[in-house]
Amino acid sequence: GTTTDMKILRTEKGIDPKTQIGSEIDRLYRQSKSMKSDLQDSWKTYHAFFDGKQYRSYSQGRPSEPKAPSWRVRSVNNYIKPIVNTVASKLTQSRPAFIVRPTGAEDDQRQKARASEFLLDYLYRQLKMQTVTHETVWWAALTGSGFFNCYWDSQAGKTFQVGDSLQATGFPVVESWSPFDIYPDPEVAHLHNAK
């Protein structure tokens, strides 16, 4: 919560602010999970279709397949798999080119811009962004949504001896998340407005 939220919580008598915030987070989580339940059934059905199980559907998280006579052979022609794979591959086939513009005409500004381009190119390779991007786009092609999770890992990167201990420099991490992993704030229309 924000500082204003904390001030409001402290003014209420007899309620621990941490307990109040925890119960508010739990309420938002349950509301988001409830809103997502119908979508999750659709996503699981899409994934089953991708895996070649065209007769399977999901309702309230449980798979169901209609019964068929023992003599009937269910042959499946999986049109979904090549379409999803082709869309994901075409959208990620071109590697992005980084262009950094200098903030001025001075030589040091141009050198900083060039160094920034090299840094972005280095990070793209080190973070394996081609693979992460392909996975995120694959989820988006299959379910309609794919997400990047970006954070700083203080234990990653190179390690150096500092006194008697080893310390890591830290390094950014970018992961691909499926829509199953995300519980958006149910009270906003856009993720950038979420709490």
C-alpha atoms as a PDB file:
ATOM      1  CA  GLY A   1       0.000   0.000   0.000  1.00  0.00           C
ATOM      2  CA  THR A   2       0.920   3.641  -0.190  1.00  0.00           C
ATOM      3  CA  THR A   3       1.866   5.962   2.653  1.00  0.00           C
ATOM      4  CA  THR A   4      -1.650   7.440   2.585  1.00  0.00           C
ATOM      5  CA  ASP A   5      -3.135   3.943   2.942  1.00  0.00           C
ATOM      6  CA  MET A   6      -0.909   3.321   5.979  1.00  0.00           C
ATOM      7  CA  LYS A   7      -1.992   6.612   7.618  1.00  0.00           C
ATOM      8  CA  ILE A   8      -5.653   5.695   7.133  1.00  0.00           C
ATOM      9  CA  LEU A   9      -5.065   2.243   8.609  1.00  0.00           C
ATOM     10  CA  ARG A  10      -3.272   3.666  11.669  1.00  0.00           C
ATOM     11  CA  THR A  11      -6.154   5.994  12.448  1.00  0.00           C
ATOM     12  CA  GLU A  12      -8.589   3.100  12.848  1.00  0.00           C
ATOM     13  CA  LYS A  13      -8.703   1.994  16.477  1.00  0.00           C
ATOM     14  CA  GLY A  14      -7.659  -1.466  17.560  1.00  0.00           C
ATOM     15  CA  ILE A  15      -6.657  -2.765  14.103  1.00  0.00           C
ATOM     16  CA  ASP A  16      -3.084  -3.744  13.404  1.00  0.00           C
ATOM     17  CA  PRO A  17      -2.047  -2.148  10.063  1.00  0.00           C
ATOM     18  CA  LYS A  18      -0.145  -5.274   8.968  1.00  0.00           C
ATOM     19  CA  THR A  19      -3.189  -7.459   9.619  1.00  0.00           C
ATOM     20  CA  GLN A  20      -5.412  -5.005   7.741  1.00  0.00           C
ATOM     21  CA  ILE A  21      -3.044  -4.924   4.737  1.00  0.00           C
ATOM     22  CA  GLY A  22      -2.766  -8.725   4.756  1.00  0.00           C
ATOM     23  CA  SER A  23      -6.530  -9.155   4.762  1.00  0.00           C
ATOM     24  CA  GLU A  24      -6.864  -6.572   1.953  1.00  0.00           C
ATOM     25  CA  ILE A  25      -4.283  -8.434  -0.168  1.00  0.00           C
ATOM     26  CA  ASP A  26      -6.068 -11.718   0.538  1.00  0.00           C
ATOM     27  CA  ARG A  27      -9.420 -10.163  -0.497  1.00  0.00           C
ATOM     28  CA  LEU A  28      -7.952  -8.843  -3.762  1.00  0.00           C
ATOM     29  CA  TYR A  29      -6.288 -12.206  -4.475  1.00  0.00           C
ATOM     30  CA  ARG A  30      -9.541 -14.139  -3.949  1.00  0.00           C
ATOM     31  CA  GLN A  31     -11.486 -11.674  -6.097  1.00  0.00           C
ATOM     32  CA  SER A  32      -8.886 -11.887  -8.890  1.00  0.00           C
ATOM     33  CA  LYS A  33      -8.789 -15.700  -8.683  1.00  0.00           C
ATOM     34  CA  SER A  34     -12.582 -15.843  -8.924  1.00  0.00           C
ATOM     35  CA  MET A  35     -12.607 -13.557 -11.971  1.00  0.00           C
ATOM     36  CA  LYS A  36      -9.913 -15.672 -13.635  1.00  0.00           C
ATOM     37  CA  SER A  37     -11.614 -19.045 -13.152  1.00  0.00           C
ATOM     38  CA  ASP A  38     -13.643 -18.901 -16.397  1.00  0.00           C
ATOM     39  CA  LEU A  39     -10.624 -17.770 -18.365  1.00  0.00           C
ATOM     40  CA  GLN A  40      -8.485 -20.552 -16.895  1.00  0.00           C
ATOM     41  CA  ASP A  41     -10.933 -23.154 -18.184  1.00  0.00           C
ATOM     42  CA  SER A  42     -10.596 -21.671 -21.671  1.00  0.00           C
ATOM     43  CA  TRP A  43      -6.790 -21.526 -21.426  1.00  0.00           C
ATOM     44  CA  LYS A  44      -6.609 -25.161 -20.298  1.00  0.00           C
ATOM     45  CA  THR A  45      -8.883 -26.172 -23.178  1.00  0.00           C
ATOM     46  CA  TYR A  46      -6.662 -24.288 -25.650  1.00  0.00           C
ATOM     47  CA  HIS A  47      -3.599 -26.019 -24.211  1.00  0.00           C
ATOM     48  CA  ALA A  48      -5.326 -29.416 -24.512  1.00  0.00           C
ATOM     49  CA  PHE A  49      -6.104 -28.634 -28.159  1.00  0.00           C
ATOM     50  CA  PHE A  50      -2.448 -27.701 -28.712  1.00  0.00           C
ATOM     51  CA  ASP A  51      -1.429 -31.061 -27.190  1.00  0.00           C
ATOM     52  CA  GLY A  52      -3.740 -32.904 -29.617  1.00  0.00           C
ATOM     53  CA  LYS A  53      -6.570 -33.573 -27.166  1.00  0.00           C
ATOM     54  CA  GLN A  54      -9.352 -31.962 -29.207  1.00  0.00           C
ATOM     55  CA  TYR A  55     -12.136 -33.802 -27.375  1.00  0.00           C
ATOM     56  CA  ARG A  56     -11.157 -32.484 -23.950  1.00  0.00           C
ATOM     57  CA  SER A  57     -12.671 -29.405 -22.373  1.00  0.00           C
ATOM     58  CA  TYR A  58     -12.477 -27.939 -18.885  1.00  0.00           C
ATOM     59  CA  SER A  59     -15.193 -26.791 -16.543  1.00  0.00           C
ATOM     60  CA  GLN A  60     -14.374 -25.377 -13.101  1.00  0.00           C
ATOM     61  CA  GLY A  61     -10.818 -26.669 -13.502  1.00  0.00           C
ATOM     62  CA  ARG A  62     -11.840 -30.270 -14.163  1.00  0.00           C
ATOM     63  CA  PRO A  63     -11.242 -31.973 -17.533  1.00  0.00           C
ATOM     64  CA  SER A  64     -14.117 -33.686 -19.292  1.00  0.00           C
ATOM     65  CA  GLU A  65     -14.303 -35.771 -22.451  1.00  0.00           C
ATOM     66  CA  PRO A  66     -17.565 -36.974 -23.966  1.00  0.00           C
ATOM     67  CA  LYS A  67     -17.992 -40.738 -23.932  1.00  0.00           C
ATOM     68  CA  ALA A  68     -17.637 -42.483 -27.259  1.00  0.00           C
ATOM     69  CA  PRO A  69     -18.596 -46.026 -28.255  1.00  0.00           C
ATOM     70  CA  SER A  70     -15.747 -48.515 -27.935  1.00  0.00           C
ATOM     71  CA  TRP A  71     -15.793 -49.146 -31.685  1.00  0.00           C
ATOM     72  CA  ARG A  72     -15.317 -45.478 -32.623  1.00  0.00           C
ATOM     73  CA  VAL A  73     -11.816 -44.266 -33.441  1.00  0.00           C
ATOM     74  CA  ARG A  74     -11.216 -40.628 -32.678  1.00  0.00           C
ATOM     75  CA  SER A  75      -8.696 -39.395 -35.173  1.00  0.00           C
ATOM     76  CA  VAL A  76      -7.411 -35.897 -34.647  1.00  0.00           C
ATOM     77  CA  ASN A  77      -5.855 -33.510 -37.125  1.00  0.00           C
ATOM     78  CA  ASN A  78      -4.119 -30.911 -34.987  1.00  0.00           C
ATOM     79  CA  TYR A  79      -4.427 -27.564 -36.800  1.00  0.00           C
ATOM     80  CA  ILE A  80      -3.779 -25.522 -33.660  1.00  0.00           C
ATOM     81  CA  LYS A  81      -0.179 -26.589 -32.969  1.00  0.00           C
ATOM     82  CA  PRO A  82       1.383 -25.468 -36.274  1.00  0.00           C
ATOM     83  CA  ILE A  83      -0.598 -22.207 -36.245  1.00  0.00           C
ATOM     84  CA  VAL A  84       0.514 -21.255 -32.709  1.00  0.00           C
ATOM     85  CA  ASN A  85       4.125 -22.261 -33.393  1.00  0.00           C
ATOM     86  CA  THR A  86       4.179 -20.349 -36.699  1.00  0.00           C
ATOM     87  CA  VAL A  87       2.708 -17.192 -35.164  1.00  0.00           C
ATOM     88  CA  ALA A  88       5.188 -17.272 -32.271  1.00  0.00           C
ATOM     89  CA  SER A  89       8.124 -17.895 -34.608  1.00  0.00           C
ATOM     90  CA  LYS A  90       7.170 -15.178 -37.094  1.00  0.00           C
ATOM     91  CA  LEU A  91       6.682 -12.589 -34.371  1.00  0.00           C
ATOM     92  CA  THR A  92      10.083 -13.327 -32.842  1.00  0.00           C
ATOM     93  CA  GLN A  93      12.196 -14.147 -35.894  1.00  0.00           C
ATOM     94  CA  SER A  94      13.793 -10.702 -36.147  1.00  0.00           C
ATOM     95  CA  ARG A  95      16.219  -9.707 -33.463  1.00  0.00           C
ATOM     96  CA  PRO A  96      15.683  -6.098 -32.353  1.00  0.00           C
ATOM     97  CA  ALA A  97      18.342  -3.534 -33.200  1.00  0.00           C
ATOM     98  CA  PHE A  98      19.200  -1.077 -30.448  1.00  0.00           C
ATOM     99  CA  ILE A  99      19.779   2.558 -31.368  1.00  0.00           C
ATOM    100  CA  VAL A 100      20.733   5.005 -28.628  1.00  0.00           C
ATOM    101  CA  ARG A 101      20.793   8.671 -29.517  1.00  0.00           C
ATOM    102  CA  PRO A 102      23.327  10.939 -27.864  1.00  0.00           C
ATOM    103  CA  THR A 103      21.938  13.763 -25.755  1.00  0.00           C
ATOM    104  CA  GLY A 104      24.326  16.264 -27.308  1.00  0.00           C
ATOM    105  CA  ALA A 105      26.823  16.798 -30.129  1.00  0.00           C
ATOM    106  CA  GLU A 106      29.882  16.396 -27.908  1.00  0.00           C
ATOM    107  CA  ASP A 107      32.205  13.459 -28.479  1.00  0.00           C
ATOM    108  CA  ASP A 108      31.719  12.048 -24.969  1.00  0.00           C
ATOM    109  CA  GLN A 109      27.912  12.017 -25.475  1.00  0.00           C
ATOM    110  CA  ARG A 110      28.318  10.017 -28.689  1.00  0.00           C
ATOM    111  CA  GLN A 111      30.658   7.581 -26.941  1.00  0.00           C
ATOM    112  CA  LYS A 112      28.156   7.118 -24.104  1.00  0.00           C
ATOM    113  CA  ALA A 113      25.398   6.399 -26.635  1.00  0.00           C
ATOM    114  CA  ARG A 114      27.588   3.848 -28.409  1.00  0.00           C
ATOM    115  CA  ALA A 115      28.521   2.215 -25.087  1.00  0.00           C
ATOM    116  CA  SER A 116      24.798   2.033 -24.209  1.00  0.00           C
ATOM    117  CA  GLU A 117      24.113   0.200 -27.486  1.00  0.00           C
ATOM    118  CA  PHE A 118      26.839  -2.327 -26.641  1.00  0.00           C
ATOM    119  CA  LEU A 119      25.399  -2.746 -23.136  1.00  0.00           C
ATOM    120  CA  LEU A 120      21.879  -3.388 -24.457  1.00  0.00           C
ATOM    121  CA  ASP A 121      23.216  -5.902 -26.966  1.00  0.00           C
ATOM    122  CA  TYR A 122      25.215  -7.639 -24.201  1.00  0.00           C
ATOM    123  CA  LEU A 123      22.186  -7.798 -21.886  1.00  0.00           C
ATOM    124  CA  TYR A 124      19.996  -9.156 -24.702  1.00  0.00           C
ATOM    125  CA  ARG A 125      22.421 -12.047 -25.209  1.00  0.00           C
ATOM    126  CA  GLN A 126      23.143 -12.684 -21.497  1.00  0.00           C
ATOM    127  CA  LEU A 127      19.460 -12.685 -20.522  1.00  0.00           C
ATOM    128  CA  LYS A 128      18.650 -15.019 -23.444  1.00  0.00           C
ATOM    129  CA  MET A 129      15.940 -12.602 -24.487  1.00  0.00           C
ATOM    130  CA  GLN A 130      15.288 -14.380 -27.797  1.00  0.00           C
ATOM    131  CA  THR A 131      14.168 -17.502 -25.917  1.00  0.00           C
ATOM    132  CA  VAL A 132      12.245 -15.581 -23.242  1.00  0.00           C
ATOM    133  CA  THR A 133      10.492 -13.463 -25.863  1.00  0.00           C
ATOM    134  CA  HIS A 134       9.561 -16.524 -27.907  1.00  0.00           C
ATOM    135  CA  GLU A 135       8.061 -18.221 -24.847  1.00  0.00           C
ATOM    136  CA  THR A 136       6.067 -15.108 -23.901  1.00  0.00           C
ATOM    137  CA  VAL A 137       4.770 -14.679 -27.447  1.00  0.00           C
ATOM    138  CA  TRP A 138       3.924 -18.414 -27.556  1.00  0.00           C
ATOM    139  CA  TRP A 139       1.718 -17.992 -24.477  1.00  0.00           C
ATOM    140  CA  ALA A 140       0.138 -14.911 -26.044  1.00  0.00           C
ATOM    141  CA  ALA A 141      -0.586 -16.810 -29.283  1.00  0.00           C
ATOM    142  CA  LEU A 142      -2.104 -19.741 -27.384  1.00  0.00           C
ATOM    143  CA  THR A 143      -4.079 -17.976 -24.641  1.00  0.00           C
ATOM    144  CA  GLY A 144      -4.159 -14.313 -25.657  1.00  0.00           C
ATOM    145  CA  SER A 145      -1.802 -13.195 -22.860  1.00  0.00           C
ATOM    146  CA  GLY A 146       1.870 -13.563 -22.055  1.00  0.00           C
ATOM    147  CA  PHE A 147       3.897 -11.638 -19.490  1.00  0.00           C
ATOM    148  CA  PHE A 148       7.486 -10.634 -18.806  1.00  0.00           C
ATOM    149  CA  ASN A 149       8.632 -10.584 -15.192  1.00  0.00           C
ATOM    150  CA  CYS A 150      11.690  -8.361 -14.747  1.00  0.00           C
ATOM    151  CA  TYR A 151      13.588  -7.997 -11.486  1.00  0.00           C
ATOM    152  CA  TRP A 152      17.060  -7.540 -10.031  1.00  0.00           C
ATOM    153  CA  ASP A 153      18.709 -10.644  -8.557  1.00  0.00           C
ATOM    154  CA  SER A 154      21.287  -9.492  -6.021  1.00  0.00           C
ATOM    155  CA  GLN A 155      22.802 -13.008  -5.829  1.00  0.00           C
ATOM    156  CA  ALA A 156      23.440 -13.316  -9.592  1.00  0.00           C
ATOM    157  CA  GLY A 157      26.314 -11.959 -11.650  1.00  0.00           C
ATOM    158  CA  LYS A 158      30.019 -12.193 -10.985  1.00  0.00           C
ATOM    159  CA  THR A 159      31.376 -12.727  -7.494  1.00  0.00           C
ATOM    160  CA  PHE A 160      34.267 -10.873  -5.918  1.00  0.00           C
ATOM    161  CA  GLN A 161      36.224 -11.414  -2.748  1.00  0.00           C
ATOM    162  CA  VAL A 162      35.439  -8.638  -0.287  1.00  0.00           C
ATOM    163  CA  GLY A 163      37.299  -9.151   2.968  1.00  0.00           C
ATOM    164  CA  ASP A 164      36.553 -12.681   4.150  1.00  0.00           C
ATOM    165  CA  SER A 165      33.397 -13.176   2.092  1.00  0.00           C
ATOM    166  CA  LEU A 166      32.302 -13.428  -1.525  1.00  0.00           C
ATOM    167  CA  GLN A 167      29.881 -10.819  -2.778  1.00  0.00           C
ATOM    168  CA  ALA A 168      27.872 -10.963  -5.988  1.00  0.00           C
ATOM    169  CA  THR A 169      27.494  -7.939  -8.241  1.00  0.00           C
ATOM    170  CA  GLY A 170      23.861  -8.699  -8.991  1.00  0.00           C
ATOM    171  CA  PHE A 171      22.273  -8.967 -12.424  1.00  0.00           C
ATOM    172  CA  PRO A 172      18.855  -8.346 -13.963  1.00  0.00           C
ATOM    173  CA  VAL A 173      16.549 -11.303 -14.629  1.00  0.00           C
ATOM    174  CA  VAL A 174      13.768 -11.497 -17.205  1.00  0.00           C
ATOM    175  CA  GLU A 175      11.344 -14.419 -17.068  1.00  0.00           C
ATOM    176  CA  SER A 176       8.380 -15.447 -19.166  1.00  0.00           C
ATOM    177  CA  TRP A 177       5.150 -15.935 -17.240  1.00  0.00           C
ATOM    178  CA  SER A 178       1.982 -17.553 -18.482  1.00  0.00           C
ATOM    179  CA  PRO A 179      -1.415 -16.010 -17.690  1.00  0.00           C
ATOM    180  CA  PHE A 180      -1.878 -18.796 -15.108  1.00  0.00           C
ATOM    181  CA  ASP A 181       0.870 -17.120 -13.023  1.00  0.00           C
ATOM    182  CA  ILE A 182      -0.704 -13.645 -12.962  1.00  0.00           C
ATOM    183  CA  TYR A 183      -3.405 -12.403 -10.610  1.00  0.00           C
ATOM    184  CA  PRO A 184      -4.118  -8.826 -11.715  1.00  0.00           C
ATOM    185  CA  ASP A 185      -5.747  -6.229  -9.513  1.00  0.00           C
ATOM    186  CA  PRO A 186      -9.505  -6.725 -10.099  1.00  0.00           C
ATOM    187  CA  GLU A 187     -10.316  -3.082  -9.374  1.00  0.00           C
ATOM    188  CA  VAL A 188      -8.421  -1.549 -12.328  1.00  0.00           C
ATOM    189  CA  ALA A 189      -8.755  -1.749 -16.104  1.00  0.00           C
ATOM    190  CA  HIS A 190      -5.013  -1.651 -16.949  1.00  0.00           C
ATOM    191  CA  LEU A 191      -2.044  -3.400 -15.342  1.00  0.00           C
ATOM    192  CA  HIS A 192      -0.035  -0.166 -15.059  1.00  0.00           C
ATOM    193  CA  ASN A 193      -2.727   1.149 -12.663  1.00  0.00           C
ATOM    194  CA  ALA A 194      -2.639  -1.982 -10.476  1.00  0.00           C
ATOM    195  CA  LYS A 195      -1.712  -1.864  -6.792  1.00  0.00           C
END
